[in-house]
N, C-alpha and C. Protein backbone atom coordinates (compact mmCIF):
# COMPACT_ATOMS: atom_id res chain seq x y z
N MET A 1 2.84 27.09 21.41
CA MET A 1 1.94 26.48 20.53
C MET A 1 2.41 25.04 20.35
N LYS A 2 1.70 24.06 20.47
CA LYS A 2 1.91 22.59 20.04
C LYS A 2 2.39 22.42 18.61
N ARG A 3 3.30 21.63 18.39
CA ARG A 3 4.03 21.14 17.09
C ARG A 3 2.88 20.76 16.17
N SER A 4 1.91 19.60 16.73
CA SER A 4 0.91 19.48 15.79
C SER A 4 -0.11 20.42 15.25
N VAL A 5 -0.50 21.52 16.15
CA VAL A 5 -1.40 22.54 16.00
C VAL A 5 -0.65 23.29 14.59
N PHE A 6 0.90 23.37 15.23
CA PHE A 6 1.48 24.54 14.08
C PHE A 6 1.42 23.95 12.72
N ILE A 7 1.65 22.55 12.72
CA ILE A 7 1.86 21.89 11.36
C ILE A 7 0.11 22.09 10.51
N LYS A 8 -0.59 21.80 11.23
CA LYS A 8 -1.86 21.87 10.95
C LYS A 8 -2.42 23.16 10.51
N LEU A 9 -2.07 24.07 11.26
CA LEU A 9 -2.43 25.58 10.67
C LEU A 9 -1.34 25.94 9.54
N THR A 10 -0.11 25.38 9.43
CA THR A 10 0.73 25.72 8.30
C THR A 10 0.26 25.29 7.10
N VAL A 11 -0.31 23.88 7.02
CA VAL A 11 -0.79 23.37 6.00
C VAL A 11 -2.09 23.85 5.32
N ALA A 12 -3.06 24.13 6.61
CA ALA A 12 -4.27 24.51 6.18
C ALA A 12 -4.05 25.98 5.52
N GLY A 13 -3.29 26.88 5.94
CA GLY A 13 -2.91 28.17 5.25
C GLY A 13 -2.34 28.17 4.12
N ALA A 14 -1.41 27.48 3.89
CA ALA A 14 -0.64 27.12 2.63
C ALA A 14 -1.83 26.79 1.40
N ALA A 15 -2.53 25.68 1.91
CA ALA A 15 -3.60 25.30 0.89
C ALA A 15 -4.24 26.08 0.57
N ALA A 16 -5.03 27.13 1.72
CA ALA A 16 -5.97 27.98 1.13
C ALA A 16 -5.32 28.97 0.29
N VAL A 17 -4.12 29.26 0.18
CA VAL A 17 -3.33 30.37 -0.45
C VAL A 17 -3.10 29.58 -1.91
N ALA A 18 -2.47 28.27 -1.88
CA ALA A 18 -2.18 27.68 -3.05
C ALA A 18 -3.22 27.28 -3.91
N LEU A 19 -4.17 26.62 -3.40
CA LEU A 19 -5.28 25.78 -4.05
C LEU A 19 -6.08 26.73 -5.35
N PRO A 20 -6.62 27.86 -5.16
CA PRO A 20 -6.92 28.61 -5.90
C PRO A 20 -6.20 28.80 -7.30
N LEU A 21 -4.95 28.86 -6.83
CA LEU A 21 -4.13 29.08 -7.93
C LEU A 21 -3.86 27.98 -9.04
N THR A 22 -4.14 26.79 -8.63
CA THR A 22 -4.05 25.46 -9.17
C THR A 22 -5.29 24.96 -10.03
N TYR A 23 -6.28 25.59 -9.80
CA TYR A 23 -7.64 25.07 -10.19
C TYR A 23 -7.98 25.63 -11.68
N GLY A 24 -7.07 26.87 -12.09
CA GLY A 24 -7.19 26.95 -13.21
C GLY A 24 -6.61 26.26 -14.63
N CYS A 25 -5.38 25.41 -13.92
CA CYS A 25 -4.72 24.41 -14.76
C CYS A 25 -5.46 23.28 -15.21
N GLY A 26 -5.23 22.87 -16.50
CA GLY A 26 -5.86 22.22 -17.11
C GLY A 26 -5.22 21.10 -17.99
N GLY A 27 -5.52 19.88 -18.58
CA GLY A 27 -4.90 18.94 -19.56
C GLY A 27 -4.10 18.13 -18.63
N ASN A 28 -4.26 17.96 -17.33
CA ASN A 28 -3.65 16.66 -16.80
C ASN A 28 -4.48 15.48 -16.68
N SER A 29 -3.80 14.38 -16.86
CA SER A 29 -4.71 13.16 -16.64
C SER A 29 -4.54 13.05 -15.28
N ALA A 30 -5.32 12.07 -14.95
CA ALA A 30 -5.55 11.66 -13.36
C ALA A 30 -4.32 10.97 -12.92
N LYS A 31 -3.83 10.10 -13.86
CA LYS A 31 -2.49 9.58 -13.59
C LYS A 31 -1.32 10.38 -13.29
N LYS A 32 -1.26 11.43 -13.87
CA LYS A 32 -0.20 12.53 -13.56
C LYS A 32 -0.40 13.01 -12.18
N LEU A 33 -1.74 13.42 -12.00
CA LEU A 33 -2.13 14.17 -10.93
C LEU A 33 -1.97 13.54 -9.87
N ILE A 34 -2.03 12.12 -9.85
CA ILE A 34 -2.08 11.26 -8.42
C ILE A 34 -0.55 11.17 -8.18
N ALA A 35 0.37 11.12 -9.21
CA ALA A 35 1.72 11.08 -8.92
C ALA A 35 2.47 12.41 -8.41
N GLU A 36 1.78 13.50 -8.50
CA GLU A 36 2.32 14.72 -8.07
C GLU A 36 1.83 15.48 -6.91
N PRO A 37 2.66 15.31 -5.66
CA PRO A 37 2.09 15.92 -4.59
C PRO A 37 1.94 17.50 -4.71
N GLU A 38 0.97 17.73 -5.17
CA GLU A 38 0.65 19.51 -5.56
C GLU A 38 1.35 20.18 -4.63
N PHE A 39 1.04 20.14 -3.18
CA PHE A 39 1.36 21.26 -2.40
C PHE A 39 3.19 21.16 -2.18
N LEU A 40 3.43 19.97 -2.06
CA LEU A 40 5.10 19.79 -2.14
C LEU A 40 5.63 20.41 -3.44
N LEU A 41 5.21 20.30 -4.56
CA LEU A 41 5.90 20.62 -5.56
C LEU A 41 5.92 22.50 -5.57
N LYS A 42 4.99 22.99 -4.64
CA LYS A 42 5.20 24.50 -4.64
C LYS A 42 6.37 24.75 -3.63
N LEU A 43 6.73 23.89 -2.86
CA LEU A 43 7.74 24.12 -1.86
C LEU A 43 9.07 23.49 -2.15
N ILE A 44 9.09 22.44 -3.00
CA ILE A 44 10.60 21.86 -3.31
C ILE A 44 10.48 21.69 -4.76
N ASP A 45 11.86 21.37 -5.24
CA ASP A 45 12.01 21.30 -6.74
C ASP A 45 12.05 20.25 -6.93
N VAL A 46 11.74 19.42 -8.50
CA VAL A 46 11.40 18.37 -8.88
C VAL A 46 12.56 17.44 -8.51
N LYS A 47 13.84 17.78 -8.43
CA LYS A 47 14.87 16.92 -7.91
C LYS A 47 14.85 16.33 -6.38
N THR A 48 14.46 17.37 -5.65
CA THR A 48 14.12 16.92 -4.16
C THR A 48 13.01 16.10 -3.93
N LEU A 49 11.88 16.36 -4.93
CA LEU A 49 10.74 15.50 -4.95
C LEU A 49 11.10 13.91 -5.19
N TYR A 50 11.99 14.04 -6.34
CA TYR A 50 12.46 12.57 -6.77
C TYR A 50 13.04 11.82 -5.67
N GLU A 51 14.14 12.64 -5.09
CA GLU A 51 15.00 11.94 -4.16
C GLU A 51 14.12 11.59 -2.89
N THR A 52 13.25 12.40 -2.68
CA THR A 52 12.31 11.93 -1.12
C THR A 52 11.54 10.68 -1.93
N GLY A 53 11.07 10.73 -3.07
CA GLY A 53 10.42 9.48 -3.59
C GLY A 53 11.17 8.16 -3.27
N GLN A 54 12.50 8.44 -3.79
CA GLN A 54 13.39 7.18 -3.64
C GLN A 54 13.81 6.88 -2.53
N ALA A 55 13.90 7.81 -1.56
CA ALA A 55 14.19 7.67 -0.05
C ALA A 55 13.02 6.81 0.51
N TYR A 56 11.63 7.14 0.18
CA TYR A 56 10.54 6.35 0.70
C TYR A 56 10.56 4.92 0.25
N ILE A 57 10.74 4.79 -1.06
CA ILE A 57 10.83 3.51 -1.63
C ILE A 57 12.02 2.73 -0.95
N LYS A 58 13.33 3.26 -0.34
CA LYS A 58 14.27 2.59 0.22
C LYS A 58 13.75 2.18 1.52
N LYS A 59 12.96 2.68 2.34
CA LYS A 59 12.47 2.53 3.57
C LYS A 59 11.46 1.68 3.65
N PHE A 60 10.70 1.59 2.45
CA PHE A 60 9.37 0.71 2.28
C PHE A 60 9.52 -0.08 1.00
N PRO A 61 10.47 -0.78 0.72
CA PRO A 61 10.55 -1.55 -0.42
C PRO A 61 9.55 -2.26 -1.04
N VAL A 62 8.63 -2.83 -0.24
CA VAL A 62 7.42 -3.73 -0.64
C VAL A 62 6.67 -2.82 -1.63
N GLU A 63 6.64 -1.39 -1.41
CA GLU A 63 5.86 -0.38 -2.22
C GLU A 63 6.54 0.10 -3.45
N ASP A 64 7.43 -0.42 -3.85
CA ASP A 64 8.29 -0.30 -4.94
C ASP A 64 7.55 -0.68 -6.30
N ASN A 65 6.48 0.00 -6.60
CA ASN A 65 5.51 -0.58 -7.99
C ASN A 65 4.33 0.27 -8.00
N GLU A 66 4.50 0.79 -9.31
CA GLU A 66 3.62 1.82 -9.77
C GLU A 66 2.09 1.67 -9.32
N LYS A 67 1.51 0.45 -9.54
CA LYS A 67 0.24 0.01 -9.59
C LYS A 67 0.01 -0.35 -8.24
N LYS A 68 0.92 -0.91 -7.44
CA LYS A 68 0.67 -0.99 -5.95
C LYS A 68 0.45 0.28 -5.37
N LEU A 69 1.51 1.47 -5.59
CA LEU A 69 1.36 2.86 -4.96
C LEU A 69 -0.01 3.65 -5.42
N THR A 70 -0.53 3.14 -6.71
CA THR A 70 -1.39 4.05 -7.29
C THR A 70 -2.81 3.27 -6.37
N ASP A 71 -2.76 1.92 -6.23
CA ASP A 71 -3.83 1.36 -5.54
C ASP A 71 -3.98 2.10 -4.11
N LEU A 72 -2.89 2.09 -3.35
CA LEU A 72 -2.88 2.35 -1.96
C LEU A 72 -3.20 4.07 -2.09
N LEU A 73 -3.03 4.78 -2.98
CA LEU A 73 -3.20 6.15 -2.99
C LEU A 73 -4.57 6.44 -3.35
N VAL A 74 -5.36 5.61 -4.01
CA VAL A 74 -6.58 5.86 -4.43
C VAL A 74 -7.75 5.12 -3.93
N GLU A 75 -7.20 3.91 -3.18
CA GLU A 75 -8.03 3.18 -2.31
C GLU A 75 -9.58 2.84 -2.94
N ASN A 76 -9.40 2.25 -3.92
CA ASN A 76 -10.60 1.89 -4.79
C ASN A 76 -11.50 2.90 -5.13
N SER A 77 -11.21 4.09 -5.32
CA SER A 77 -12.00 5.31 -5.55
C SER A 77 -11.96 5.52 -7.00
N ALA A 78 -13.23 5.90 -7.56
CA ALA A 78 -13.54 5.95 -8.98
C ALA A 78 -12.58 7.28 -9.36
N ILE A 79 -11.94 8.02 -8.34
CA ILE A 79 -11.01 9.57 -8.72
C ILE A 79 -10.02 9.23 -9.54
N VAL A 80 -9.59 7.68 -9.71
CA VAL A 80 -8.54 7.22 -10.70
C VAL A 80 -8.83 7.56 -12.40
N GLN A 81 -10.22 7.63 -12.30
CA GLN A 81 -10.72 7.77 -13.89
C GLN A 81 -11.30 9.18 -13.91
N SER A 82 -11.34 9.91 -13.08
CA SER A 82 -11.79 11.24 -13.29
C SER A 82 -10.73 12.06 -13.97
N SER A 83 -11.46 13.10 -14.93
CA SER A 83 -10.72 14.02 -15.44
C SER A 83 -10.87 15.39 -14.94
N ASP A 84 -11.42 15.41 -13.69
CA ASP A 84 -11.78 16.79 -13.21
C ASP A 84 -10.54 17.13 -12.32
N THR A 85 -9.69 17.84 -12.70
CA THR A 85 -8.64 18.35 -11.95
C THR A 85 -8.82 18.78 -10.56
N LYS A 86 -9.74 19.47 -10.35
CA LYS A 86 -10.07 20.11 -9.23
C LYS A 86 -10.68 19.10 -8.21
N ALA A 87 -11.42 17.85 -8.75
CA ALA A 87 -11.89 17.13 -7.84
C ALA A 87 -10.78 15.92 -7.41
N ILE A 88 -9.63 15.72 -8.15
CA ILE A 88 -8.72 15.14 -7.88
C ILE A 88 -7.79 15.86 -6.73
N HIS A 89 -7.74 17.09 -6.99
CA HIS A 89 -6.96 17.82 -5.99
C HIS A 89 -7.70 17.92 -4.71
N LEU A 90 -8.97 17.94 -4.77
CA LEU A 90 -9.60 17.79 -3.58
C LEU A 90 -9.56 16.70 -2.84
N PHE A 91 -9.67 15.65 -3.53
CA PHE A 91 -9.54 14.39 -2.93
C PHE A 91 -8.25 14.02 -2.31
N PHE A 92 -7.10 14.47 -2.84
CA PHE A 92 -5.85 14.15 -2.21
C PHE A 92 -5.48 15.27 -0.99
N ASP A 93 -6.09 16.48 -1.10
CA ASP A 93 -6.26 17.41 -0.15
C ASP A 93 -6.82 16.68 1.21
N LYS A 94 -7.76 16.28 1.07
CA LYS A 94 -8.52 15.41 2.06
C LYS A 94 -7.90 14.43 2.73
N LYS A 95 -7.20 13.66 1.92
CA LYS A 95 -6.49 12.39 2.21
C LYS A 95 -5.26 13.04 3.07
N ILE A 96 -4.43 13.96 2.68
CA ILE A 96 -3.54 14.44 3.40
C ILE A 96 -3.75 15.09 4.74
N HIS A 97 -4.80 15.76 4.53
CA HIS A 97 -5.24 16.60 5.96
C HIS A 97 -5.87 15.43 6.95
N ASP A 98 -6.40 14.24 6.45
CA ASP A 98 -7.07 13.10 7.35
C ASP A 98 -5.54 12.38 7.95
N ASP A 99 -4.64 12.35 6.93
CA ASP A 99 -3.41 11.55 7.60
C ASP A 99 -2.82 12.58 8.51
N PHE A 100 -2.59 13.69 8.57
CA PHE A 100 -2.28 14.57 9.55
C PHE A 100 -2.77 14.54 10.94
N GLU A 101 -4.24 14.43 10.61
CA GLU A 101 -5.19 14.42 11.85
C GLU A 101 -5.18 13.21 12.58
N SER A 102 -4.76 12.08 11.91
CA SER A 102 -5.00 10.95 12.47
C SER A 102 -3.16 10.37 13.07
N GLY A 103 -2.27 11.36 12.53
CA GLY A 103 -0.88 10.96 12.81
C GLY A 103 -0.32 9.93 12.00
N ASN A 104 -0.97 9.79 10.77
CA ASN A 104 -0.42 8.98 9.67
C ASN A 104 0.52 9.66 8.95
N THR A 105 2.02 9.72 9.39
CA THR A 105 2.90 10.71 9.03
C THR A 105 4.24 9.75 8.90
N VAL A 106 5.13 9.94 7.92
CA VAL A 106 6.58 9.55 7.81
C VAL A 106 7.43 10.33 7.95
N ILE A 107 8.82 10.33 8.29
CA ILE A 107 9.69 10.87 8.15
C ILE A 107 10.67 10.45 6.79
N VAL A 108 10.91 11.47 5.90
CA VAL A 108 11.69 10.95 4.87
C VAL A 108 12.49 12.22 4.58
N ASN A 109 13.84 11.86 4.39
CA ASN A 109 14.68 12.84 4.27
C ASN A 109 14.65 13.95 4.74
N GLY A 110 14.09 13.97 6.02
CA GLY A 110 14.25 14.95 6.87
C GLY A 110 12.67 15.83 6.82
N TRP A 111 11.79 15.54 6.21
CA TRP A 111 10.47 16.10 5.91
C TRP A 111 9.61 15.13 6.81
N ILE A 112 8.61 15.83 7.47
CA ILE A 112 7.45 15.19 8.03
C ILE A 112 6.30 15.15 7.11
N LEU A 113 6.16 14.12 6.37
CA LEU A 113 4.96 14.05 5.38
C LEU A 113 3.78 12.92 5.69
N SER A 114 2.85 13.71 5.01
CA SER A 114 1.64 12.70 5.38
C SER A 114 1.75 11.23 4.46
N LEU A 115 1.32 10.36 4.95
CA LEU A 115 1.76 8.94 4.16
C LEU A 115 1.35 8.99 2.74
N THR A 116 0.33 9.64 2.56
CA THR A 116 -0.17 9.99 0.95
C THR A 116 0.76 10.99 0.25
N GLU A 117 1.44 11.84 1.13
CA GLU A 117 2.15 12.99 0.15
C GLU A 117 3.59 11.83 -0.11
N ALA A 118 4.04 10.93 0.80
CA ALA A 118 5.38 10.19 0.55
C ALA A 118 4.91 9.33 -0.24
N ARG A 119 3.58 8.89 -0.35
CA ARG A 119 3.48 7.70 -1.50
C ARG A 119 3.32 8.42 -2.82
N GLN A 120 2.79 9.46 -2.75
CA GLN A 120 2.88 10.40 -4.12
C GLN A 120 4.31 10.70 -4.68
N CYS A 121 5.25 10.91 -3.63
CA CYS A 121 6.48 11.17 -3.99
C CYS A 121 7.07 10.05 -4.65
N ALA A 122 6.76 8.60 -3.91
CA ALA A 122 7.44 7.53 -4.54
C ALA A 122 6.98 7.17 -5.73
N LEU A 123 5.50 7.52 -6.05
CA LEU A 123 5.02 7.28 -7.57
C LEU A 123 5.72 8.23 -8.53
N PHE A 124 5.74 9.64 -7.99
CA PHE A 124 6.49 10.47 -8.91
C PHE A 124 7.77 10.09 -9.39
N SER A 125 8.66 9.48 -8.37
CA SER A 125 9.85 9.10 -8.74
C SER A 125 10.03 7.79 -9.57
N ILE A 126 8.76 6.92 -9.56
CA ILE A 126 8.93 5.80 -10.33
C ILE A 126 8.66 6.45 -11.56
N THR A 127 7.26 7.07 -11.72
CA THR A 127 7.05 7.42 -13.23
C THR A 127 7.99 8.34 -13.96
N GLN A 128 8.98 8.92 -13.21
CA GLN A 128 10.01 9.79 -14.13
C GLN A 128 11.32 8.95 -14.31
N ASN A 129 11.10 7.53 -14.25
CA ASN A 129 12.40 6.63 -14.71
C ASN A 129 12.00 6.40 -16.11
């Protein structure tokens, strides 16, 4: 099996299992949800997520800014003003899927991440300071 097919199947399978569990959770603001790579939070601890975000920022220091990262992540979408947790998760699930489909990935701390996930990690690490 090709590596790209394996990654796509793994991500799709994990998302199919994990997503229904997260839709019942409420009370999150859009800003918080944008800064949390939902799928990665199920795989790694907060410390590793923070370190991954910091490593991304070191690799791409021009993006070391909360507003810049948020703008890059939402791409002028109205999702930033949404209070619908499910819609926000679906928005980012699609972006991440599209990143993998188009090969828009980066390697950070040994992880092959979609650019969206990597930027979410970076934004997470900035908002934790």
